[in-house]
Structures are given as C-alpha cells and as structure tokens.
Amino acid sequence: RKDVESMRLDLLDARSAGDVSRMNELKVQITRAGAKDAEFIYELATQRMKLAEREGLEEEAERYRDEAMAARGVLPQFNLEGLWVGKYGPNGYEMINVTYTGDTLVAYKVTGDQNVPKDEITFTADLSPEATEEAGLEPIVLTDEAAKQWGTSHLPRFPGQGQVAAEGFVNNQFVDGQLIMVGE
C-alpha cells in the first residue's frame, strides 16, 4: 500500500509537470497494484461511484457500487454482523448485536446493565476509508514476536464512539474511541 501511495504522489508530480506519458504509466501501475488490495478497490470504487452519482451517470454509478460491494464482502471489518459477547468491566459479560448502516458499524446491547440498558447503542465505528484517514489512524504495528503470536504484522483500527451513562441511563453520552481489529 505504501508503494501505491508513493505512486500517487509521483502521479501528482507528473500531472504538475504536464508529463502525460508518465501520468498514464503511473495510472496503470496504481490500478495493477490496487487490484490486489480489497481495501484499495473498495475506496477507489466508492470514490468513483460518488463522482458518477454527482454527474448523473446512473449506470456507471451502479457498476462502481457493485464493484465496491464485492470488495467490501472480503474485508473483515465488514463481516462482523451478528451476535457477540463483550466484557463490560464490573458489569460482566453482555451480548451485543452488530449491524451496519452504510459504512458505519453499529452495536446494540441485547442484554443491558444498570448504566446502558438493552436495545440501546453501545458503540459505533466509522469504517469508511475517509474516516480512518481523517482521524489519522494508522494500523498498530506489532513486534515480530507479537506478529508471530497473532498471525499478522499490524492491527487495523477505525474511529468510533462508545456510549456511557450513569446508573439508570442518566447523563448518557457518546465518547470517542477506536475499534481495533485483533483477528479476522
């Protein structure tokens, strides 16, 4: 991915210099490299879909929407839907139901506690590429030893909010947090 980012910067330089040949060469390289990365494909297809929608190109927008959804289908952060069990400190274990609204993961409490009752949102996470970029959330890089233990060299993370409240669901509010993907 860093190679793709470097090529994108080179593309901007080529565009500024008016080097059309270099621009075309870099566009091909970026597309080839990105085709191997579902997150890149999702981000690019989503951007192109939005552009096509703004320009009123419905068929093109639909094609990019399909491409984005196909890429999204293999991304672990978009495959968490269902029932999960979470540990809520002194309140113990609680069941939550994870759903999605667009690129936002929404977790509702199935079992509640004295602070946040059942059927309330317990946390959300914005999984859109733009949100992660805007929040400046680079993946957590693991040590070699930790990478061997977890089977990955980095842990992706996404900006989110968790709901907190005093007992009786009093003074409920959302506080900033992060969703960190520890495993697939």
N, C-alpha and C. Protein backbone atom coordinates (compact mmCIF):
# COMPACT_ATOMS: atom_id res chain seq x y z
N ARG A 1 0.83 -1.19 0.00
CA ARG A 1 0.00 0.00 0.00
C ARG A 1 0.87 1.25 0.00
N LYS A 2 2.00 1.21 0.70
CA LYS A 2 2.87 2.38 0.70
C LYS A 2 3.42 2.65 -0.69
N ASP A 3 3.66 1.58 -1.48
CA ASP A 3 4.10 1.75 -2.86
C ASP A 3 3.03 2.50 -3.66
N VAL A 4 1.76 2.15 -3.44
CA VAL A 4 0.67 2.81 -4.15
C VAL A 4 0.62 4.28 -3.76
N GLU A 5 0.78 4.57 -2.48
CA GLU A 5 0.77 5.97 -2.04
C GLU A 5 1.92 6.74 -2.68
N SER A 6 3.08 6.11 -2.77
CA SER A 6 4.23 6.74 -3.39
C SER A 6 3.95 7.01 -4.88
N MET A 7 3.33 6.03 -5.53
CA MET A 7 2.98 6.21 -6.95
C MET A 7 1.96 7.34 -7.12
N ARG A 8 1.03 7.46 -6.17
CA ARG A 8 0.04 8.54 -6.24
C ARG A 8 0.73 9.90 -6.15
N LEU A 9 1.73 10.00 -5.26
CA LEU A 9 2.47 11.26 -5.15
C LEU A 9 3.25 11.55 -6.44
N ASP A 10 3.85 10.49 -7.01
CA ASP A 10 4.54 10.65 -8.29
C ASP A 10 3.57 11.10 -9.38
N LEU A 11 2.34 10.57 -9.33
CA LEU A 11 1.32 10.95 -10.31
C LEU A 11 1.00 12.44 -10.20
N LEU A 12 0.89 12.93 -8.97
CA LEU A 12 0.63 14.37 -8.77
C LEU A 12 1.77 15.21 -9.35
N ASP A 13 3.01 14.74 -9.12
CA ASP A 13 4.17 15.45 -9.66
C ASP A 13 4.14 15.45 -11.19
N ALA A 14 3.82 14.28 -11.76
CA ALA A 14 3.76 14.17 -13.22
C ALA A 14 2.66 15.06 -13.78
N ARG A 15 1.52 15.12 -13.06
CA ARG A 15 0.42 15.98 -13.50
C ARG A 15 0.85 17.45 -13.46
N SER A 16 1.54 17.85 -12.39
CA SER A 16 2.01 19.23 -12.27
C SER A 16 3.00 19.59 -13.37
N ALA A 17 3.83 18.59 -13.74
CA ALA A 17 4.83 18.81 -14.78
C ALA A 17 4.25 18.66 -16.18
N GLY A 18 3.00 18.20 -16.27
CA GLY A 18 2.38 18.02 -17.57
C GLY A 18 2.92 16.82 -18.34
N ASP A 19 3.53 15.86 -17.64
CA ASP A 19 4.12 14.67 -18.26
C ASP A 19 3.03 13.61 -18.46
N VAL A 20 2.31 13.68 -19.58
CA VAL A 20 1.17 12.81 -19.86
C VAL A 20 1.60 11.35 -19.94
N SER A 21 2.73 11.08 -20.56
CA SER A 21 3.22 9.71 -20.70
C SER A 21 3.46 9.08 -19.31
N ARG A 22 4.13 9.82 -18.44
CA ARG A 22 4.40 9.33 -17.07
C ARG A 22 3.09 9.17 -16.30
N MET A 23 2.15 10.10 -16.49
CA MET A 23 0.85 10.01 -15.83
C MET A 23 0.14 8.72 -16.22
N ASN A 24 0.10 8.41 -17.50
CA ASN A 24 -0.57 7.20 -17.97
C ASN A 24 0.11 5.95 -17.44
N GLU A 25 1.44 5.95 -17.43
CA GLU A 25 2.20 4.81 -16.91
C GLU A 25 1.89 4.59 -15.43
N LEU A 26 1.86 5.66 -14.65
CA LEU A 26 1.59 5.56 -13.21
C LEU A 26 0.15 5.12 -12.95
N LYS A 27 -0.79 5.59 -13.74
CA LYS A 27 -2.19 5.18 -13.57
C LYS A 27 -2.33 3.67 -13.75
N VAL A 28 -1.65 3.12 -14.73
CA VAL A 28 -1.69 1.68 -14.97
C VAL A 28 -1.05 0.93 -13.79
N GLN A 29 0.09 1.41 -13.31
CA GLN A 29 0.77 0.76 -12.18
C GLN A 29 -0.08 0.81 -10.92
N ILE A 30 -0.71 1.94 -10.67
CA ILE A 30 -1.56 2.09 -9.48
C ILE A 30 -2.74 1.13 -9.57
N THR A 31 -3.36 1.05 -10.72
CA THR A 31 -4.51 0.15 -10.89
C THR A 31 -4.10 -1.30 -10.69
N ARG A 32 -2.97 -1.71 -11.26
CA ARG A 32 -2.50 -3.10 -11.10
C ARG A 32 -2.19 -3.43 -9.64
N ALA A 33 -1.49 -2.51 -8.97
CA ALA A 33 -1.15 -2.74 -7.57
C ALA A 33 -2.41 -2.76 -6.71
N GLY A 34 -3.31 -1.85 -7.00
CA GLY A 34 -4.54 -1.76 -6.21
C GLY A 34 -5.47 -2.93 -6.41
N ALA A 35 -5.41 -3.56 -7.58
CA ALA A 35 -6.29 -4.69 -7.86
C ALA A 35 -6.01 -5.87 -6.93
N LYS A 36 -4.87 -5.85 -6.27
CA LYS A 36 -4.51 -6.92 -5.34
C LYS A 36 -4.97 -6.60 -3.92
N ASP A 37 -5.54 -5.44 -3.70
CA ASP A 37 -5.86 -4.96 -2.36
C ASP A 37 -7.34 -4.58 -2.27
N ALA A 38 -8.12 -5.39 -1.56
CA ALA A 38 -9.57 -5.17 -1.49
C ALA A 38 -9.91 -3.80 -0.87
N GLU A 39 -9.14 -3.36 0.11
CA GLU A 39 -9.41 -2.05 0.72
C GLU A 39 -9.21 -0.94 -0.30
N PHE A 40 -8.16 -1.06 -1.10
CA PHE A 40 -7.90 -0.07 -2.14
C PHE A 40 -9.03 -0.07 -3.16
N ILE A 41 -9.46 -1.26 -3.58
CA ILE A 41 -10.54 -1.37 -4.56
C ILE A 41 -11.82 -0.76 -3.98
N TYR A 42 -12.10 -1.06 -2.72
CA TYR A 42 -13.31 -0.52 -2.09
C TYR A 42 -13.27 1.01 -2.07
N GLU A 43 -12.13 1.56 -1.65
CA GLU A 43 -12.01 3.01 -1.57
C GLU A 43 -12.13 3.65 -2.95
N LEU A 44 -11.43 3.11 -3.94
CA LEU A 44 -11.45 3.67 -5.27
C LEU A 44 -12.83 3.56 -5.91
N ALA A 45 -13.46 2.38 -5.79
CA ALA A 45 -14.79 2.19 -6.38
C ALA A 45 -15.82 3.10 -5.71
N THR A 46 -15.70 3.29 -4.41
CA THR A 46 -16.62 4.18 -3.68
C THR A 46 -16.45 5.62 -4.16
N GLN A 47 -15.20 6.06 -4.32
CA GLN A 47 -14.95 7.43 -4.81
C GLN A 47 -15.53 7.61 -6.22
N ARG A 48 -15.29 6.61 -7.07
CA ARG A 48 -15.78 6.72 -8.45
C ARG A 48 -17.31 6.66 -8.50
N MET A 49 -17.91 5.86 -7.61
CA MET A 49 -19.37 5.78 -7.54
C MET A 49 -19.96 7.15 -7.17
N LYS A 50 -19.38 7.79 -6.16
CA LYS A 50 -19.88 9.10 -5.72
C LYS A 50 -19.74 10.14 -6.83
N LEU A 51 -18.62 10.09 -7.54
CA LEU A 51 -18.41 11.02 -8.64
C LEU A 51 -19.44 10.79 -9.75
N ALA A 52 -19.66 9.53 -10.10
CA ALA A 52 -20.65 9.20 -11.14
C ALA A 52 -22.05 9.64 -10.71
N GLU A 53 -22.37 9.46 -9.43
CA GLU A 53 -23.69 9.90 -8.92
C GLU A 53 -23.84 11.41 -9.05
N ARG A 54 -22.78 12.16 -8.68
CA ARG A 54 -22.82 13.63 -8.79
C ARG A 54 -23.01 14.08 -10.23
N GLU A 55 -22.43 13.32 -11.16
CA GLU A 55 -22.51 13.67 -12.57
C GLU A 55 -23.75 13.10 -13.25
N GLY A 56 -24.60 12.39 -12.48
CA GLY A 56 -25.84 11.85 -13.01
C GLY A 56 -25.66 10.63 -13.90
N LEU A 57 -24.54 9.94 -13.78
CA LEU A 57 -24.26 8.75 -14.58
C LEU A 57 -24.70 7.50 -13.81
N GLU A 58 -25.99 7.21 -13.89
CA GLU A 58 -26.59 6.15 -13.06
C GLU A 58 -26.01 4.76 -13.32
N GLU A 59 -25.85 4.40 -14.61
CA GLU A 59 -25.32 3.06 -14.92
C GLU A 59 -23.89 2.90 -14.44
N GLU A 60 -23.09 3.93 -14.63
CA GLU A 60 -21.70 3.90 -14.18
C GLU A 60 -21.65 3.83 -12.65
N ALA A 61 -22.48 4.61 -12.00
CA ALA A 61 -22.53 4.59 -10.53
C ALA A 61 -22.91 3.20 -10.02
N GLU A 62 -23.86 2.57 -10.67
CA GLU A 62 -24.29 1.22 -10.27
C GLU A 62 -23.16 0.21 -10.45
N ARG A 63 -22.40 0.34 -11.54
CA ARG A 63 -21.27 -0.57 -11.78
C ARG A 63 -20.22 -0.41 -10.68
N TYR A 64 -19.91 0.82 -10.31
CA TYR A 64 -18.93 1.06 -9.24
C TYR A 64 -19.48 0.62 -7.88
N ARG A 65 -20.78 0.78 -7.67
CA ARG A 65 -21.40 0.31 -6.43
C ARG A 65 -21.24 -1.20 -6.30
N ASP A 66 -21.48 -1.93 -7.40
CA ASP A 66 -21.31 -3.39 -7.40
C ASP A 66 -19.85 -3.77 -7.12
N GLU A 67 -18.93 -3.04 -7.74
CA GLU A 67 -17.50 -3.31 -7.53
C GLU A 67 -17.12 -3.06 -6.07
N ALA A 68 -17.61 -1.97 -5.50
CA ALA A 68 -17.32 -1.65 -4.10
C ALA A 68 -17.89 -2.72 -3.17
N MET A 69 -19.11 -3.15 -3.44
CA MET A 69 -19.74 -4.16 -2.57
C MET A 69 -19.02 -5.51 -2.66
N ALA A 70 -18.52 -5.85 -3.84
CA ALA A 70 -17.76 -7.10 -3.99
C ALA A 70 -16.47 -7.03 -3.16
N ALA A 71 -15.79 -5.90 -3.21
CA ALA A 71 -14.55 -5.74 -2.42
C ALA A 71 -14.88 -5.72 -0.93
N ARG A 72 -15.95 -5.04 -0.58
CA ARG A 72 -16.36 -4.94 0.82
C ARG A 72 -16.65 -6.32 1.41
N GLY A 73 -17.16 -7.23 0.58
CA GLY A 73 -17.52 -8.57 1.04
C GLY A 73 -16.35 -9.38 1.56
N VAL A 74 -15.12 -9.02 1.20
CA VAL A 74 -13.96 -9.77 1.68
C VAL A 74 -13.17 -9.02 2.76
N LEU A 75 -13.64 -7.85 3.13
CA LEU A 75 -12.95 -7.08 4.17
C LEU A 75 -13.48 -7.49 5.55
N PRO A 76 -12.59 -7.91 6.45
CA PRO A 76 -13.05 -8.43 7.75
C PRO A 76 -13.90 -7.45 8.55
N GLN A 77 -13.59 -6.14 8.47
CA GLN A 77 -14.35 -5.18 9.27
C GLN A 77 -15.81 -5.06 8.83
N PHE A 78 -16.12 -5.54 7.62
CA PHE A 78 -17.49 -5.51 7.14
C PHE A 78 -18.18 -6.87 7.24
N ASN A 79 -17.58 -7.78 7.98
CA ASN A 79 -18.13 -9.12 8.13
C ASN A 79 -18.27 -9.50 9.59
N LEU A 80 -18.67 -8.56 10.40
CA LEU A 80 -18.82 -8.79 11.84
C LEU A 80 -20.28 -8.88 12.27
N GLU A 81 -21.20 -8.78 11.33
CA GLU A 81 -22.62 -8.75 11.66
C GLU A 81 -23.03 -10.00 12.44
N GLY A 82 -23.81 -9.78 13.49
CA GLY A 82 -24.32 -10.90 14.28
C GLY A 82 -24.17 -10.64 15.77
N LEU A 83 -24.36 -11.70 16.54
CA LEU A 83 -24.30 -11.60 18.00
C LEU A 83 -22.88 -11.83 18.50
N TRP A 84 -22.47 -11.00 19.44
CA TRP A 84 -21.15 -11.08 20.05
C TRP A 84 -21.30 -10.94 21.56
N VAL A 85 -20.29 -11.38 22.28
CA VAL A 85 -20.26 -11.20 23.73
C VAL A 85 -19.11 -10.25 24.05
N GLY A 86 -19.40 -9.24 24.86
CA GLY A 86 -18.37 -8.28 25.25
C GLY A 86 -18.26 -8.21 26.76
N LYS A 87 -17.08 -7.87 27.25
CA LYS A 87 -16.87 -7.73 28.70
C LYS A 87 -16.99 -6.25 29.03
N TYR A 88 -17.91 -5.94 29.92
CA TYR A 88 -18.19 -4.57 30.31
C TYR A 88 -17.75 -4.32 31.75
N GLY A 89 -16.45 -4.43 31.97
CA GLY A 89 -15.87 -4.14 33.29
C GLY A 89 -16.61 -4.84 34.41
N PRO A 90 -16.94 -4.11 35.47
CA PRO A 90 -17.60 -4.73 36.63
C PRO A 90 -19.02 -5.22 36.32
N ASN A 91 -19.59 -4.79 35.19
CA ASN A 91 -20.93 -5.26 34.80
C ASN A 91 -20.90 -6.66 34.21
N GLY A 92 -19.70 -7.17 33.93
CA GLY A 92 -19.58 -8.53 33.43
C GLY A 92 -19.78 -8.64 31.93
N TYR A 93 -20.16 -9.84 31.51
CA TYR A 93 -20.33 -10.12 30.08
C TYR A 93 -21.73 -9.76 29.63
N GLU A 94 -21.80 -9.15 28.44
CA GLU A 94 -23.09 -8.77 27.86
C GLU A 94 -23.10 -9.14 26.39
N MET A 95 -24.29 -9.44 25.89
CA MET A 95 -24.43 -9.78 24.48
C MET A 95 -24.76 -8.52 23.70
N ILE A 96 -24.11 -8.38 22.53
CA ILE A 96 -24.39 -7.24 21.66
C ILE A 96 -24.72 -7.77 20.26
N ASN A 97 -25.45 -6.98 19.51
CA ASN A 97 -25.81 -7.30 18.13
C ASN A 97 -25.17 -6.27 17.22
N VAL A 98 -24.27 -6.74 16.35
CA VAL A 98 -23.57 -5.86 15.43
C VAL A 98 -24.30 -5.82 14.09
N THR A 99 -24.59 -4.61 13.62
CA THR A 99 -25.22 -4.39 12.32
C THR A 99 -24.44 -3.29 11.60
N TYR A 100 -24.88 -2.95 10.41
CA TYR A 100 -24.24 -1.89 9.63
C TYR A 100 -25.28 -0.94 9.07
N THR A 101 -24.92 0.33 9.05
CA THR A 101 -25.68 1.36 8.34
C THR A 101 -24.67 2.03 7.43
N GLY A 102 -24.70 1.66 6.15
CA GLY A 102 -23.67 2.14 5.24
C GLY A 102 -22.31 1.64 5.69
N ASP A 103 -21.37 2.57 5.87
CA ASP A 103 -20.02 2.21 6.31
C ASP A 103 -19.87 2.30 7.83
N THR A 104 -20.96 2.46 8.54
CA THR A 104 -20.90 2.56 9.99
C THR A 104 -21.33 1.26 10.65
N LEU A 105 -20.45 0.71 11.47
CA LEU A 105 -20.78 -0.45 12.29
C LEU A 105 -21.54 0.07 13.51
N VAL A 106 -22.67 -0.54 13.81
CA VAL A 106 -23.49 -0.13 14.96
C VAL A 106 -23.72 -1.35 15.83
N ALA A 107 -23.35 -1.25 17.11
CA ALA A 107 -23.52 -2.35 18.05
C ALA A 107 -24.58 -1.98 19.08
N TYR A 108 -25.64 -2.80 19.14
CA TYR A 108 -26.73 -2.59 20.10
C TYR A 108 -26.60 -3.59 21.23
N LYS A 109 -26.99 -3.20 22.41
CA LYS A 109 -26.99 -4.13 23.54
C LYS A 109 -28.20 -5.05 23.44
N VAL A 110 -27.96 -6.34 23.52
CA VAL A 110 -29.03 -7.33 23.59
C VAL A 110 -29.37 -7.57 25.05
N THR A 111 -28.33 -7.63 25.86
CA THR A 111 -28.52 -7.64 27.32
C THR A 111 -27.95 -6.32 27.81
N GLY A 112 -28.59 -5.71 28.74
CA GLY A 112 -28.13 -4.42 29.22
C GLY A 112 -27.61 -4.51 30.63
N ASP A 113 -27.31 -3.36 31.19
CA ASP A 113 -26.87 -3.29 32.59
C ASP A 113 -27.48 -2.04 33.21
N GLN A 114 -27.08 -1.74 34.42
CA GLN A 114 -27.69 -0.60 35.13
C GLN A 114 -27.30 0.75 34.51
N ASN A 115 -26.28 0.76 33.67
CA ASN A 115 -25.87 2.02 33.06
C ASN A 115 -26.49 2.22 31.67
N VAL A 116 -26.23 1.29 30.76
CA VAL A 116 -26.78 1.36 29.41
C VAL A 116 -27.65 0.13 29.21
N PRO A 117 -28.98 0.32 29.10
CA PRO A 117 -29.90 -0.81 29.03
C PRO A 117 -29.93 -1.50 27.67
N LYS A 118 -30.62 -2.62 27.60
CA LYS A 118 -30.75 -3.36 26.35
C LYS A 118 -31.45 -2.49 25.31
N ASP A 119 -31.19 -2.82 24.05
CA ASP A 119 -31.73 -2.13 22.88
C ASP A 119 -31.12 -0.76 22.62
N GLU A 120 -30.19 -0.33 23.45
CA GLU A 120 -29.50 0.95 23.21
C GLU A 120 -28.21 0.68 22.44
N ILE A 121 -27.74 1.68 21.72
CA ILE A 121 -26.44 1.57 21.04
C ILE A 121 -25.35 1.56 22.09
N THR A 122 -24.44 0.60 21.99
CA THR A 122 -23.31 0.55 22.92
C THR A 122 -22.07 1.18 22.30
N PHE A 123 -21.87 0.96 20.99
CA PHE A 123 -20.78 1.65 20.30
C PHE A 123 -21.02 1.68 18.80
N THR A 124 -20.34 2.60 18.13
CA THR A 124 -20.36 2.68 16.67
C THR A 124 -18.91 2.83 16.20
N ALA A 125 -18.67 2.50 14.95
CA ALA A 125 -17.35 2.72 14.35
C ALA A 125 -17.56 3.07 12.88
N ASP A 126 -16.91 4.14 12.45
CA ASP A 126 -16.98 4.55 11.05
C ASP A 126 -15.87 3.82 10.30
N LEU A 127 -16.27 2.90 9.42
CA LEU A 127 -15.32 2.06 8.71
C LEU A 127 -14.93 2.61 7.34
N SER A 128 -15.42 3.80 7.00
CA SER A 128 -15.13 4.36 5.69
C SER A 128 -13.65 4.72 5.60
N PRO A 129 -13.07 4.55 4.42
CA PRO A 129 -11.66 4.92 4.25
C PRO A 129 -11.39 6.38 4.61
N GLU A 130 -12.35 7.26 4.30
CA GLU A 130 -12.15 8.69 4.59
C GLU A 130 -12.05 8.95 6.09
N ALA A 131 -12.88 8.27 6.87
CA ALA A 131 -12.89 8.50 8.32
C ALA A 131 -11.58 8.07 8.96
N THR A 132 -11.06 6.93 8.54
CA THR A 132 -9.79 6.45 9.08
C THR A 132 -8.66 7.39 8.71
N GLU A 133 -8.70 7.88 7.47
CA GLU A 133 -7.68 8.82 7.00
C GLU A 133 -7.77 10.13 7.77
N GLU A 134 -8.99 10.66 7.90
CA GLU A 134 -9.18 11.94 8.59
C GLU A 134 -8.77 11.85 10.05
N ALA A 135 -9.00 10.70 10.69
CA ALA A 135 -8.65 10.53 12.10
C ALA A 135 -7.15 10.26 12.27
N GLY A 136 -6.45 10.01 11.17
CA GLY A 136 -5.02 9.73 11.25
C GLY A 136 -4.71 8.42 11.95
N LEU A 137 -5.59 7.45 11.80
CA LEU A 137 -5.42 6.17 12.50
C LEU A 137 -4.67 5.16 11.63
N GLU A 138 -3.37 5.15 11.77
CA GLU A 138 -2.56 4.14 11.10
C GLU A 138 -2.74 2.82 11.85
N PRO A 139 -2.59 1.70 11.15
CA PRO A 139 -2.65 0.41 11.85
C PRO A 139 -1.57 0.34 12.94
N ILE A 140 -1.87 -0.41 13.99
CA ILE A 140 -0.89 -0.63 15.05
C ILE A 140 0.11 -1.66 14.53
N VAL A 141 1.39 -1.31 14.53
CA VAL A 141 2.43 -2.20 14.05
C VAL A 141 2.90 -3.05 15.23
N LEU A 142 2.87 -4.36 15.04
CA LEU A 142 3.25 -5.29 16.10
C LEU A 142 4.74 -5.63 16.02
N THR A 143 5.29 -6.01 17.15
CA THR A 143 6.67 -6.51 17.16
C THR A 143 6.68 -7.85 16.44
N ASP A 144 7.85 -8.31 16.05
CA ASP A 144 7.97 -9.60 15.36
C ASP A 144 7.40 -10.72 16.22
N GLU A 145 7.68 -10.67 17.52
CA GLU A 145 7.18 -11.71 18.43
C GLU A 145 5.66 -11.69 18.50
N ALA A 146 5.08 -10.51 18.62
CA ALA A 146 3.62 -10.38 18.68
C ALA A 146 3.00 -10.79 17.34
N ALA A 147 3.65 -10.44 16.24
CA ALA A 147 3.14 -10.79 14.91
C ALA A 147 3.06 -12.31 14.75
N LYS A 148 4.06 -13.01 15.26
CA LYS A 148 4.03 -14.48 15.20
C LYS A 148 2.86 -15.02 16.02
N GLN A 149 2.64 -14.45 17.18
CA GLN A 149 1.55 -14.89 18.07
C GLN A 149 0.18 -14.64 17.46
N TRP A 150 -0.01 -13.46 16.85
CA TRP A 150 -1.32 -13.07 16.34
C TRP A 150 -1.53 -13.41 14.87
N GLY A 151 -0.46 -13.76 14.16
CA GLY A 151 -0.59 -14.14 12.76
C GLY A 151 -0.75 -12.96 11.81
N THR A 152 -0.38 -11.78 12.27
CA THR A 152 -0.45 -10.58 11.43
C THR A 152 0.58 -9.59 11.95
N SER A 153 1.04 -8.71 11.07
CA SER A 153 2.05 -7.74 11.48
C SER A 153 1.46 -6.40 11.92
N HIS A 154 0.18 -6.21 11.66
CA HIS A 154 -0.45 -4.94 12.05
C HIS A 154 -1.92 -5.17 12.39
N LEU A 155 -2.46 -4.27 13.20
CA LEU A 155 -3.86 -4.32 13.60
C LEU A 155 -4.57 -3.07 13.09
N PRO A 156 -5.49 -3.23 12.14
CA PRO A 156 -6.22 -2.06 11.65
C PRO A 156 -7.12 -1.47 12.74
N ARG A 157 -7.33 -0.17 12.68
CA ARG A 157 -8.22 0.47 13.65
C ARG A 157 -9.05 1.54 12.97
N PHE A 158 -10.20 1.80 13.59
CA PHE A 158 -11.20 2.68 12.99
C PHE A 158 -11.76 3.61 14.07
N PRO A 159 -12.06 4.86 13.71
CA PRO A 159 -12.62 5.79 14.69
C PRO A 159 -14.05 5.38 15.07
N GLY A 160 -14.36 5.57 16.32
CA GLY A 160 -15.70 5.22 16.78
C GLY A 160 -16.09 6.00 18.01
N GLN A 161 -17.25 5.61 18.53
CA GLN A 161 -17.76 6.22 19.77
C GLN A 161 -18.44 5.15 20.58
N GLY A 162 -18.25 5.22 21.89
CA GLY A 162 -18.93 4.31 22.80
C GLY A 162 -19.88 5.09 23.68
N GLN A 163 -21.01 4.46 24.02
CA GLN A 163 -21.99 5.16 24.87
C GLN A 163 -21.74 4.82 26.33
N VAL A 164 -21.69 5.84 27.15
CA VAL A 164 -21.53 5.69 28.59
C VAL A 164 -22.67 6.42 29.28
N ALA A 165 -22.98 6.01 30.50
CA ALA A 165 -24.05 6.66 31.26
C ALA A 165 -23.87 6.34 32.74
N ALA A 166 -24.44 7.19 33.56
CA ALA A 166 -24.51 6.91 34.99
C ALA A 166 -25.62 5.88 35.21
N GLU A 167 -25.67 5.33 36.39
CA GLU A 167 -26.68 4.32 36.71
C GLU A 167 -28.08 4.87 36.43
N GLY A 168 -28.91 4.03 35.82
CA GLY A 168 -30.26 4.44 35.45
C GLY A 168 -30.32 5.12 34.08
N PHE A 169 -29.25 4.97 33.29
CA PHE A 169 -29.14 5.57 31.96
C PHE A 169 -29.28 7.09 32.05
N VAL A 170 -28.65 7.66 33.09
CA VAL A 170 -28.67 9.09 33.33
C VAL A 170 -27.39 9.70 32.75
N ASN A 171 -27.52 10.89 32.17
CA ASN A 171 -26.37 11.60 31.58
C ASN A 171 -25.66 10.77 30.52
N ASN A 172 -26.45 10.02 29.74
CA ASN A 172 -25.81 9.22 28.70
C ASN A 172 -25.18 10.12 27.66
N GLN A 173 -24.02 9.68 27.16
CA GLN A 173 -23.29 10.42 26.15
C GLN A 173 -22.37 9.48 25.40
N PHE A 174 -21.95 9.90 24.21
CA PHE A 174 -21.01 9.12 23.42
C PHE A 174 -19.62 9.72 23.59
N VAL A 175 -18.64 8.87 23.82
CA VAL A 175 -17.25 9.30 23.96
C VAL A 175 -16.43 8.68 22.82
N ASP A 176 -15.41 9.41 22.40
CA ASP A 176 -14.57 8.92 21.31
C ASP A 176 -13.83 7.65 21.71
N GLY A 177 -13.66 6.79 20.73
CA GLY A 177 -12.92 5.55 20.94
C GLY A 177 -12.43 5.01 19.61
N GLN A 178 -11.96 3.79 19.64
CA GLN A 178 -11.47 3.13 18.42
C GLN A 178 -11.94 1.68 18.41
N LEU A 179 -12.21 1.17 17.21
CA LEU A 179 -12.43 -0.25 17.01
C LEU A 179 -11.12 -0.79 16.47
N ILE A 180 -10.51 -1.72 17.19
CA ILE A 180 -9.24 -2.31 16.77
C ILE A 180 -9.52 -3.76 16.37
N MET A 181 -9.17 -4.11 15.14
CA MET A 181 -9.39 -5.45 14.63
C MET A 181 -8.21 -6.33 15.04
N VAL A 182 -8.46 -7.21 16.00
CA VAL A 182 -7.40 -8.08 16.50
C VAL A 182 -7.28 -9.34 15.68
N GLY A 183 -8.36 -9.84 15.14
CA GLY A 183 -8.32 -11.04 14.32
C GLY A 183 -9.41 -10.99 13.29
N GLU A 184 -9.32 -11.90 12.33
CA GLU A 184 -10.35 -11.92 11.27
C GLU A 184 -11.53 -12.76 11.69
